[in-house]
Amino acid sequence: MRDRWHEPVRTCVGCRERDRRSVLTRLVARGGTLHVDGVKRQPGRGAWVHARSACLEAFGRKGGFVRSLGCVIAKLERQEIRARLPEVSA
């Protein structure tokens, strides 16, 4: 029998792996700036990423900020966001 409570699955925009929503961090673009969505419900265009520097960097290299979030994010701002991610592995 299937589990009654199914956890949503999202795709990491950095590594393109599918994972449980609870494992991923949501980034939100609002007003041309990037925010870490701690509650995973904030309004604005969002993208899901693993809390790993490698995934965030891959997302930035591939032009993911423009494609997924509809805005350009400066490299300095990406570094600030990386500092706020709950880092689990390098």
PDB file of N, CA and C in Angstrom:
ATOM      1  N   MET A   1       0.828  -1.179   0.000  1.00  0.00           N
ATOM      2  CA  MET A   1       0.000   0.000   0.000  1.00  0.00           C
ATOM      3  C   MET A   1       0.878   1.250   0.000  1.00  0.00           C
ATOM      4  N   ARG A   2       0.475   2.260  -0.786  1.00  0.00           N
ATOM      5  CA  ARG A   2       1.242   3.509  -0.862  1.00  0.00           C
ATOM      6  C   ARG A   2       1.133   4.299   0.422  1.00  0.00           C
ATOM      7  N   ASP A   3       2.211   5.024   0.702  1.00  0.00           N
ATOM      8  CA  ASP A   3       2.222   5.903   1.863  1.00  0.00           C
ATOM      9  C   ASP A   3       1.179   7.000   1.672  1.00  0.00           C
ATOM     10  N   ARG A   4       0.428   7.265   2.687  1.00  0.00           N
ATOM     11  CA  ARG A   4      -0.646   8.243   2.583  1.00  0.00           C
ATOM     12  C   ARG A   4      -0.113   9.662   2.404  1.00  0.00           C
ATOM     13  N   TRP A   5       1.002   9.987   3.015  1.00  0.00           N
ATOM     14  CA  TRP A   5       1.594  11.321   2.940  1.00  0.00           C
ATOM     15  C   TRP A   5       2.797  11.291   2.028  1.00  0.00           C
ATOM     16  N   HIS A   6       2.614  11.739   0.833  1.00  0.00           N
ATOM     17  CA  HIS A   6       3.681  11.776  -0.159  1.00  0.00           C
ATOM     18  C   HIS A   6       4.395  13.119  -0.079  1.00  0.00           C
ATOM     19  N   GLU A   7       5.719  13.092   0.052  1.00  0.00           N
ATOM     20  CA  GLU A   7       6.474  14.341   0.090  1.00  0.00           C
ATOM     21  C   GLU A   7       6.762  14.809  -1.331  1.00  0.00           C
ATOM     22  N   PRO A   8       6.539  16.093  -1.627  1.00  0.00           N
ATOM     23  CA  PRO A   8       6.784  16.612  -2.972  1.00  0.00           C
ATOM     24  C   PRO A   8       8.250  16.472  -3.383  1.00  0.00           C
ATOM     25  N   VAL A   9       8.458  16.281  -4.667  1.00  0.00           N
ATOM     26  CA  VAL A   9       9.806  16.148  -5.227  1.00  0.00           C
ATOM     27  C   VAL A   9      10.047  17.340  -6.136  1.00  0.00           C
ATOM     28  N   ARG A  10      11.247  17.921  -6.031  1.00  0.00           N
ATOM     29  CA  ARG A  10      11.638  19.057  -6.858  1.00  0.00           C
ATOM     30  C   ARG A  10      12.967  18.737  -7.528  1.00  0.00           C
ATOM     31  N   THR A  11      13.341  19.507  -8.541  1.00  0.00           N
ATOM     32  CA  THR A  11      14.607  19.323  -9.247  1.00  0.00           C
ATOM     33  C   THR A  11      15.563  20.439  -8.860  1.00  0.00           C
ATOM     34  N   CYS A  12      16.772  20.075  -8.481  1.00  0.00           N
ATOM     35  CA  CYS A  12      17.808  21.054  -8.162  1.00  0.00           C
ATOM     36  C   CYS A  12      18.234  21.730  -9.463  1.00  0.00           C
ATOM     37  N   VAL A  13      18.235  23.064  -9.480  1.00  0.00           N
ATOM     38  CA  VAL A  13      18.591  23.792 -10.690  1.00  0.00           C
ATOM     39  C   VAL A  13      20.093  23.796 -10.946  1.00  0.00           C
ATOM     40  N   GLY A  14      20.884  23.327  -9.985  1.00  0.00           N
ATOM     41  CA  GLY A  14      22.337  23.257 -10.170  1.00  0.00           C
ATOM     42  C   GLY A  14      22.777  21.942 -10.776  1.00  0.00           C
ATOM     43  N   CYS A  15      22.460  20.842 -10.100  1.00  0.00           N
ATOM     44  CA  CYS A  15      22.924  19.519 -10.549  1.00  0.00           C
ATOM     45  C   CYS A  15      21.868  18.770 -11.353  1.00  0.00           C
ATOM     46  N   ARG A  16      20.625  19.288 -11.386  1.00  0.00           N
ATOM     47  CA  ARG A  16      19.505  18.689 -12.115  1.00  0.00           C
ATOM     48  C   ARG A  16      19.040  17.355 -11.532  1.00  0.00           C
ATOM     49  N   GLU A  17      19.418  17.038 -10.298  1.00  0.00           N
ATOM     50  CA  GLU A  17      18.943  15.822  -9.635  1.00  0.00           C
ATOM     51  C   GLU A  17      17.613  16.105  -8.954  1.00  0.00           C
ATOM     52  N   ARG A  18      16.734  15.120  -8.979  1.00  0.00           N
ATOM     53  CA  ARG A  18      15.453  15.243  -8.291  1.00  0.00           C
ATOM     54  C   ARG A  18      15.640  14.788  -6.853  1.00  0.00           C
ATOM     55  N   ASP A  19      15.004  15.531  -5.941  1.00  0.00           N
ATOM     56  CA  ASP A  19      15.148  15.212  -4.521  1.00  0.00           C
ATOM     57  C   ASP A  19      13.900  15.693  -3.779  1.00  0.00           C
ATOM     58  N   ARG A  20      13.781  15.264  -2.525  1.00  0.00           N
ATOM     59  CA  ARG A  20      12.648  15.678  -1.706  1.00  0.00           C
ATOM     60  C   ARG A  20      12.710  17.182  -1.435  1.00  0.00           C
ATOM     61  N   ARG A  21      11.573  17.794  -1.375  1.00  0.00           N
ATOM     62  CA  ARG A  21      11.494  19.229  -1.136  1.00  0.00           C
ATOM     63  C   ARG A  21      12.164  19.620   0.179  1.00  0.00           C
ATOM     64  N   SER A  22      12.064  18.782   1.184  1.00  0.00           N
ATOM     65  CA  SER A  22      12.639  19.089   2.492  1.00  0.00           C
ATOM     66  C   SER A  22      14.165  19.144   2.460  1.00  0.00           C
ATOM     67  N   VAL A  23      14.785  18.515   1.474  1.00  0.00           N
ATOM     68  CA  VAL A  23      16.243  18.484   1.354  1.00  0.00           C
ATOM     69  C   VAL A  23      16.765  19.713   0.613  1.00  0.00           C
ATOM     70  N   LEU A  24      15.941  20.289  -0.255  1.00  0.00           N
ATOM     71  CA  LEU A  24      16.363  21.407  -1.091  1.00  0.00           C
ATOM     72  C   LEU A  24      16.068  22.755  -0.435  1.00  0.00           C
ATOM     73  N   THR A  25      16.805  23.774  -0.868  1.00  0.00           N
ATOM     74  CA  THR A  25      16.611  25.145  -0.411  1.00  0.00           C
ATOM     75  C   THR A  25      15.974  25.927  -1.548  1.00  0.00           C
ATOM     76  N   ARG A  26      15.003  26.745  -1.222  1.00  0.00           N
ATOM     77  CA  ARG A  26      14.333  27.552  -2.246  1.00  0.00           C
ATOM     78  C   ARG A  26      14.942  28.944  -2.277  1.00  0.00           C
ATOM     79  N   LEU A  27      15.304  29.388  -3.468  1.00  0.00           N
ATOM     80  CA  LEU A  27      15.794  30.741  -3.697  1.00  0.00           C
ATOM     81  C   LEU A  27      14.695  31.508  -4.409  1.00  0.00           C
ATOM     82  N   VAL A  28      14.477  32.751  -4.012  1.00  0.00           N
ATOM     83  CA  VAL A  28      13.408  33.574  -4.576  1.00  0.00           C
ATOM     84  C   VAL A  28      13.991  34.877  -5.097  1.00  0.00           C
ATOM     85  N   ALA A  29      13.575  35.263  -6.292  1.00  0.00           N
ATOM     86  CA  ALA A  29      13.961  36.555  -6.865  1.00  0.00           C
ATOM     87  C   ALA A  29      12.807  37.523  -6.670  1.00  0.00           C
ATOM     88  N   ARG A  30      13.078  38.612  -5.977  1.00  0.00           N
ATOM     89  CA  ARG A  30      12.082  39.666  -5.767  1.00  0.00           C
ATOM     90  C   ARG A  30      12.758  41.009  -5.940  1.00  0.00           C
ATOM     91  N   GLY A  31      12.221  41.800  -6.826  1.00  0.00           N
ATOM     92  CA  GLY A  31      12.762  43.131  -7.044  1.00  0.00           C
ATOM     93  C   GLY A  31      14.198  43.126  -7.547  1.00  0.00           C
ATOM     94  N   GLY A  32      14.580  42.104  -8.280  1.00  0.00           N
ATOM     95  CA  GLY A  32      15.927  42.025  -8.843  1.00  0.00           C
ATOM     96  C   GLY A  32      16.989  41.555  -7.867  1.00  0.00           C
ATOM     97  N   THR A  33      16.577  41.130  -6.666  1.00  0.00           N
ATOM     98  CA  THR A  33      17.541  40.594  -5.707  1.00  0.00           C
ATOM     99  C   THR A  33      17.148  39.173  -5.331  1.00  0.00           C
ATOM    100  N   LEU A  34      18.128  38.429  -4.875  1.00  0.00           N
ATOM    101  CA  LEU A  34      17.944  37.019  -4.551  1.00  0.00           C
ATOM    102  C   LEU A  34      17.830  36.850  -3.045  1.00  0.00           C
ATOM    103  N   HIS A  35      16.877  36.031  -2.615  1.00  0.00           N
ATOM    104  CA  HIS A  35      16.655  35.773  -1.195  1.00  0.00           C
ATOM    105  C   HIS A  35      16.582  34.266  -0.963  1.00  0.00           C
ATOM    106  N   VAL A  36      17.051  33.826   0.206  1.00  0.00           N
ATOM    107  CA  VAL A  36      16.866  32.438   0.618  1.00  0.00           C
ATOM    108  C   VAL A  36      15.501  32.373   1.286  1.00  0.00           C
ATOM    109  N   ASP A  37      14.650  31.508   0.772  1.00  0.00           N
ATOM    110  CA  ASP A  37      13.287  31.362   1.282  1.00  0.00           C
ATOM    111  C   ASP A  37      13.292  30.272   2.354  1.00  0.00           C
ATOM    112  N   GLY A  38      13.449  30.684   3.586  1.00  0.00           N
ATOM    113  CA  GLY A  38      13.519  29.729   4.695  1.00  0.00           C
ATOM    114  C   GLY A  38      12.233  28.969   4.932  1.00  0.00           C
ATOM    115  N   VAL A  39      11.090  29.604   4.694  1.00  0.00           N
ATOM    116  CA  VAL A  39       9.800  28.946   4.920  1.00  0.00           C
ATOM    117  C   VAL A  39       9.310  28.196   3.690  1.00  0.00           C
ATOM    118  N   LYS A  40       9.990  28.395   2.553  1.00  0.00           N
ATOM    119  CA  LYS A  40       9.675  27.724   1.283  1.00  0.00           C
ATOM    120  C   LYS A  40       8.271  28.035   0.783  1.00  0.00           C
ATOM    121  N   ARG A  41       7.800  29.256   1.075  1.00  0.00           N
ATOM    122  CA  ARG A  41       6.464  29.682   0.654  1.00  0.00           C
ATOM    123  C   ARG A  41       6.402  31.148   0.259  1.00  0.00           C
ATOM    124  N   GLN A  42       7.512  31.855   0.282  1.00  0.00           N
ATOM    125  CA  GLN A  42       7.477  33.286  -0.001  1.00  0.00           C
ATOM    126  C   GLN A  42       7.026  33.542  -1.428  1.00  0.00           C
ATOM    127  N   PRO A  43       6.364  34.679  -1.638  1.00  0.00           N
ATOM    128  CA  PRO A  43       5.950  35.020  -3.001  1.00  0.00           C
ATOM    129  C   PRO A  43       7.155  35.391  -3.854  1.00  0.00           C
ATOM    130  N   GLY A  44       7.009  35.268  -5.122  1.00  0.00           N
ATOM    131  CA  GLY A  44       8.084  35.589  -6.050  1.00  0.00           C
ATOM    132  C   GLY A  44       8.500  34.358  -6.823  1.00  0.00           C
ATOM    133  N   ARG A  45       9.253  34.590  -7.854  1.00  0.00           N
ATOM    134  CA  ARG A  45       9.708  33.496  -8.700  1.00  0.00           C
ATOM    135  C   ARG A  45      10.809  32.740  -7.981  1.00  0.00           C
ATOM    136  N   GLY A  46      10.678  31.438  -7.871  1.00  0.00           N
ATOM    137  CA  GLY A  46      11.613  30.652  -7.077  1.00  0.00           C
ATOM    138  C   GLY A  46      12.287  29.544  -7.851  1.00  0.00           C
ATOM    139  N   ALA A  47      13.387  29.064  -7.285  1.00  0.00           N
ATOM    140  CA  ALA A  47      14.132  27.934  -7.829  1.00  0.00           C
ATOM    141  C   ALA A  47      14.632  27.108  -6.652  1.00  0.00           C
ATOM    142  N   TRP A  48      14.731  25.812  -6.857  1.00  0.00           N
ATOM    143  CA  TRP A  48      15.157  24.896  -5.807  1.00  0.00           C
ATOM    144  C   TRP A  48      16.590  24.463  -6.056  1.00  0.00           C
ATOM    145  N   VAL A  49      17.402  24.440  -4.998  1.00  0.00           N
ATOM    146  CA  VAL A  49      18.816  24.091  -5.121  1.00  0.00           C
ATOM    147  C   VAL A  49      19.246  23.328  -3.873  1.00  0.00           C
ATOM    148  N   HIS A  50      20.166  22.372  -4.065  1.00  0.00           N
ATOM    149  CA  HIS A  50      20.765  21.698  -2.908  1.00  0.00           C
ATOM    150  C   HIS A  50      21.608  22.709  -2.139  1.00  0.00           C
ATOM    151  N   ALA A  51      21.739  22.528  -0.858  1.00  0.00           N
ATOM    152  CA  ALA A  51      22.538  23.425  -0.022  1.00  0.00           C
ATOM    153  C   ALA A  51      24.015  23.057  -0.134  1.00  0.00           C
ATOM    154  N   ARG A  52      24.508  23.106  -1.358  1.00  0.00           N
ATOM    155  CA  ARG A  52      25.916  22.810  -1.643  1.00  0.00           C
ATOM    156  C   ARG A  52      26.460  23.913  -2.537  1.00  0.00           C
ATOM    157  N   SER A  53      27.677  24.318  -2.269  1.00  0.00           N
ATOM    158  CA  SER A  53      28.305  25.356  -3.092  1.00  0.00           C
ATOM    159  C   SER A  53      28.386  24.928  -4.550  1.00  0.00           C
ATOM    160  N   ALA A  54      28.663  23.659  -4.791  1.00  0.00           N
ATOM    161  CA  ALA A  54      28.804  23.162  -6.164  1.00  0.00           C
ATOM    162  C   ALA A  54      27.510  23.354  -6.957  1.00  0.00           C
ATOM    163  N   CYS A  55      26.376  23.111  -6.334  1.00  0.00           N
ATOM    164  CA  CYS A  55      25.095  23.265  -7.027  1.00  0.00           C
ATOM    165  C   CYS A  55      24.810  24.735  -7.310  1.00  0.00           C
ATOM    166  N   LEU A  56      25.080  25.615  -6.353  1.00  0.00           N
ATOM    167  CA  LEU A  56      24.850  27.042  -6.564  1.00  0.00           C
ATOM    168  C   LEU A  56      25.758  27.585  -7.654  1.00  0.00           C
ATOM    169  N   GLU A  57      27.010  27.164  -7.671  1.00  0.00           N
ATOM    170  CA  GLU A  57      27.945  27.620  -8.703  1.00  0.00           C
ATOM    171  C   GLU A  57      27.544  27.099 -10.087  1.00  0.00           C
ATOM    172  N   ALA A  58      27.127  25.842 -10.160  1.00  0.00           N
ATOM    173  CA  ALA A  58      26.690  25.281 -11.440  1.00  0.00           C
ATOM    174  C   ALA A  58      25.463  26.038 -11.950  1.00  0.00           C
ATOM    175  N   PHE A  59      24.572  26.383 -11.057  1.00  0.00           N
ATOM    176  CA  PHE A  59      23.382  27.144 -11.413  1.00  0.00           C
ATOM    177  C   PHE A  59      23.773  28.494 -12.003  1.00  0.00           C
ATOM    178  N   GLY A  60      24.743  29.159 -11.401  1.00  0.00           N
ATOM    179  CA  GLY A  60      25.201  30.454 -11.896  1.00  0.00           C
ATOM    180  C   GLY A  60      25.949  30.352 -13.213  1.00  0.00           C
ATOM    181  N   ARG A  61      26.781  29.339 -13.365  1.00  0.00           N
ATOM    182  CA  ARG A  61      27.559  29.158 -14.606  1.00  0.00           C
ATOM    183  C   ARG A  61      26.673  28.881 -15.802  1.00  0.00           C
ATOM    184  N   LYS A  62      25.609  28.153 -15.598  1.00  0.00           N
ATOM    185  CA  LYS A  62      24.727  27.762 -16.699  1.00  0.00           C
ATOM    186  C   LYS A  62      23.740  28.862 -17.078  1.00  0.00           C
ATOM    187  N   GLY A  63      23.836  30.018 -16.449  1.00  0.00           N
ATOM    188  CA  GLY A  63      22.880  31.086 -16.735  1.00  0.00           C
ATOM    189  C   GLY A  63      21.528  30.830 -16.122  1.00  0.00           C
ATOM    190  N   GLY A  64      21.486  30.040 -15.084  1.00  0.00           N
ATOM    191  CA  GLY A  64      20.225  29.654 -14.467  1.00  0.00           C
ATOM    192  C   GLY A  64      19.472  30.787 -13.812  1.00  0.00           C
ATOM    193  N   PHE A  65      20.190  31.796 -13.336  1.00  0.00           N
ATOM    194  CA  PHE A  65      19.506  32.907 -12.689  1.00  0.00           C
ATOM    195  C   PHE A  65      18.586  33.618 -13.664  1.00  0.00           C
ATOM    196  N   VAL A  66      19.058  33.841 -14.865  1.00  0.00           N
ATOM    197  CA  VAL A  66      18.234  34.507 -15.874  1.00  0.00           C
ATOM    198  C   VAL A  66      17.124  33.580 -16.338  1.00  0.00           C
ATOM    199  N   ARG A  67      17.450  32.340 -16.621  1.00  0.00           N
ATOM    200  CA  ARG A  67      16.476  31.391 -17.160  1.00  0.00           C
ATOM    201  C   ARG A  67      15.403  31.021 -16.122  1.00  0.00           C
ATOM    202  N   SER A  68      15.803  30.649 -14.927  1.00  0.00           N
ATOM    203  CA  SER A  68      14.845  30.166 -13.936  1.00  0.00           C
ATOM    204  C   SER A  68      14.182  31.278 -13.134  1.00  0.00           C
ATOM    205  N   LEU A  69      14.947  32.305 -12.820  1.00  0.00           N
ATOM    206  CA  LEU A  69      14.420  33.343 -11.947  1.00  0.00           C
ATOM    207  C   LEU A  69      14.044  34.623 -12.672  1.00  0.00           C
ATOM    208  N   GLY A  70      14.421  34.738 -13.938  1.00  0.00           N
ATOM    209  CA  GLY A  70      14.043  35.908 -14.708  1.00  0.00           C
ATOM    210  C   GLY A  70      14.778  37.177 -14.319  1.00  0.00           C
ATOM    211  N   CYS A  71      15.973  37.039 -13.717  1.00  0.00           N
ATOM    212  CA  CYS A  71      16.740  38.229 -13.356  1.00  0.00           C
ATOM    213  C   CYS A  71      18.234  37.896 -13.386  1.00  0.00           C
ATOM    214  N   VAL A  72      19.047  38.936 -13.446  1.00  0.00           N
ATOM    215  CA  VAL A  72      20.493  38.778 -13.427  1.00  0.00           C
ATOM    216  C   VAL A  72      20.966  39.001 -11.998  1.00  0.00           C
ATOM    217  N   ILE A  73      21.764  38.067 -11.489  1.00  0.00           N
ATOM    218  CA  ILE A  73      22.261  38.154 -10.122  1.00  0.00           C
ATOM    219  C   ILE A  73      23.770  38.358 -10.177  1.00  0.00           C
ATOM    220  N   ALA A  74      24.262  39.385  -9.532  1.00  0.00           N
ATOM    221  CA  ALA A  74      25.693  39.681  -9.525  1.00  0.00           C
ATOM    222  C   ALA A  74      26.461  38.588  -8.784  1.00  0.00           C
ATOM    223  N   LYS A  75      27.717  38.387  -9.174  1.00  0.00           N
ATOM    224  CA  LYS A  75      28.540  37.355  -8.547  1.00  0.00           C
ATOM    225  C   LYS A  75      28.700  37.613  -7.051  1.00  0.00           C
ATOM    226  N   LEU A  76      28.831  38.863  -6.658  1.00  0.00           N
ATOM    227  CA  LEU A  76      28.963  39.200  -5.245  1.00  0.00           C
ATOM    228  C   LEU A  76      27.724  38.761  -4.476  1.00  0.00           C
ATOM    229  N   GLU A  77      26.553  38.977  -5.068  1.00  0.00           N
ATOM    230  CA  GLU A  77      25.317  38.568  -4.408  1.00  0.00           C
ATOM    231  C   GLU A  77      25.234  37.051  -4.295  1.00  0.00           C
ATOM    232  N   ARG A  78      25.730  36.334  -5.307  1.00  0.00           N
ATOM    233  CA  ARG A  78      25.759  34.871  -5.229  1.00  0.00           C
ATOM    234  C   ARG A  78      26.617  34.408  -4.064  1.00  0.00           C
ATOM    235  N   GLN A  79      27.736  35.099  -3.821  1.00  0.00           N
ATOM    236  CA  GLN A  79      28.609  34.733  -2.705  1.00  0.00           C
ATOM    237  C   GLN A  79      27.910  34.979  -1.375  1.00  0.00           C
ATOM    238  N   GLU A  80      27.148  36.053  -1.285  1.00  0.00           N
ATOM    239  CA  GLU A  80      26.397  36.326  -0.060  1.00  0.00           C
ATOM    240  C   GLU A  80      25.336  35.253   0.177  1.00  0.00           C
ATOM    241  N   ILE A  81      24.662  34.842  -0.887  1.00  0.00           N
ATOM    242  CA  ILE A  81      23.648  33.796  -0.769  1.00  0.00           C
ATOM    243  C   ILE A  81      24.296  32.485  -0.327  1.00  0.00           C
ATOM    244  N   ARG A  82      25.448  32.140  -0.929  1.00  0.00           N
ATOM    245  CA  ARG A  82      26.134  30.917  -0.553  1.00  0.00           C
ATOM    246  C   ARG A  82      26.474  30.926   0.938  1.00  0.00           C
ATOM    247  N   ALA A  83      26.838  32.087   1.465  1.00  0.00           N
ATOM    248  CA  ALA A  83      27.160  32.201   2.894  1.00  0.00           C
ATOM    249  C   ALA A  83      25.929  31.952   3.776  1.00  0.00           C
ATOM    250  N   ARG A  84      24.725  32.220   3.245  1.00  0.00           N
ATOM    251  CA  ARG A  84      23.493  32.023   4.014  1.00  0.00           C
ATOM    252  C   ARG A  84      22.869  30.639   3.834  1.00  0.00           C
ATOM    253  N   LEU A  85      23.381  29.858   2.889  1.00  0.00           N
ATOM    254  CA  LEU A  85      22.832  28.505   2.689  1.00  0.00           C
ATOM    255  C   LEU A  85      23.229  27.608   3.848  1.00  0.00           C
ATOM    256  N   PRO A  86      22.338  26.723   4.251  1.00  0.00           N
ATOM    257  CA  PRO A  86      22.696  25.741   5.285  1.00  0.00           C
ATOM    258  C   PRO A  86      23.592  24.667   4.662  1.00  0.00           C
ATOM    259  N   GLU A  87      24.881  24.940   4.586  1.00  0.00           N
ATOM    260  CA  GLU A  87      25.853  24.085   3.888  1.00  0.00           C
ATOM    261  C   GLU A  87      25.868  22.679   4.485  1.00  0.00           C
ATOM    262  N   VAL A  88      25.681  21.669   3.636  1.00  0.00           N
ATOM    263  CA  VAL A  88      25.730  20.283   4.104  1.00  0.00           C
ATOM    264  C   VAL A  88      26.954  19.560   3.579  1.00  0.00           C
ATOM    265  N   SER A  89      27.459  19.958   2.433  1.00  0.00           N
ATOM    266  CA  SER A  89      28.685  19.349   1.898  1.00  0.00           C
ATOM    267  C   SER A  89      29.249  20.250   0.844  1.00  0.00           C
ATOM    268  N   ALA A  90      30.529  20.076   0.554  1.00  0.00           N
ATOM    269  CA  ALA A  90      31.202  20.950  -0.408  1.00  0.00           C
ATOM    270  C   ALA A  90      30.965  20.563  -1.827  1.00  0.00           C
TER     271      ALA A  90
END
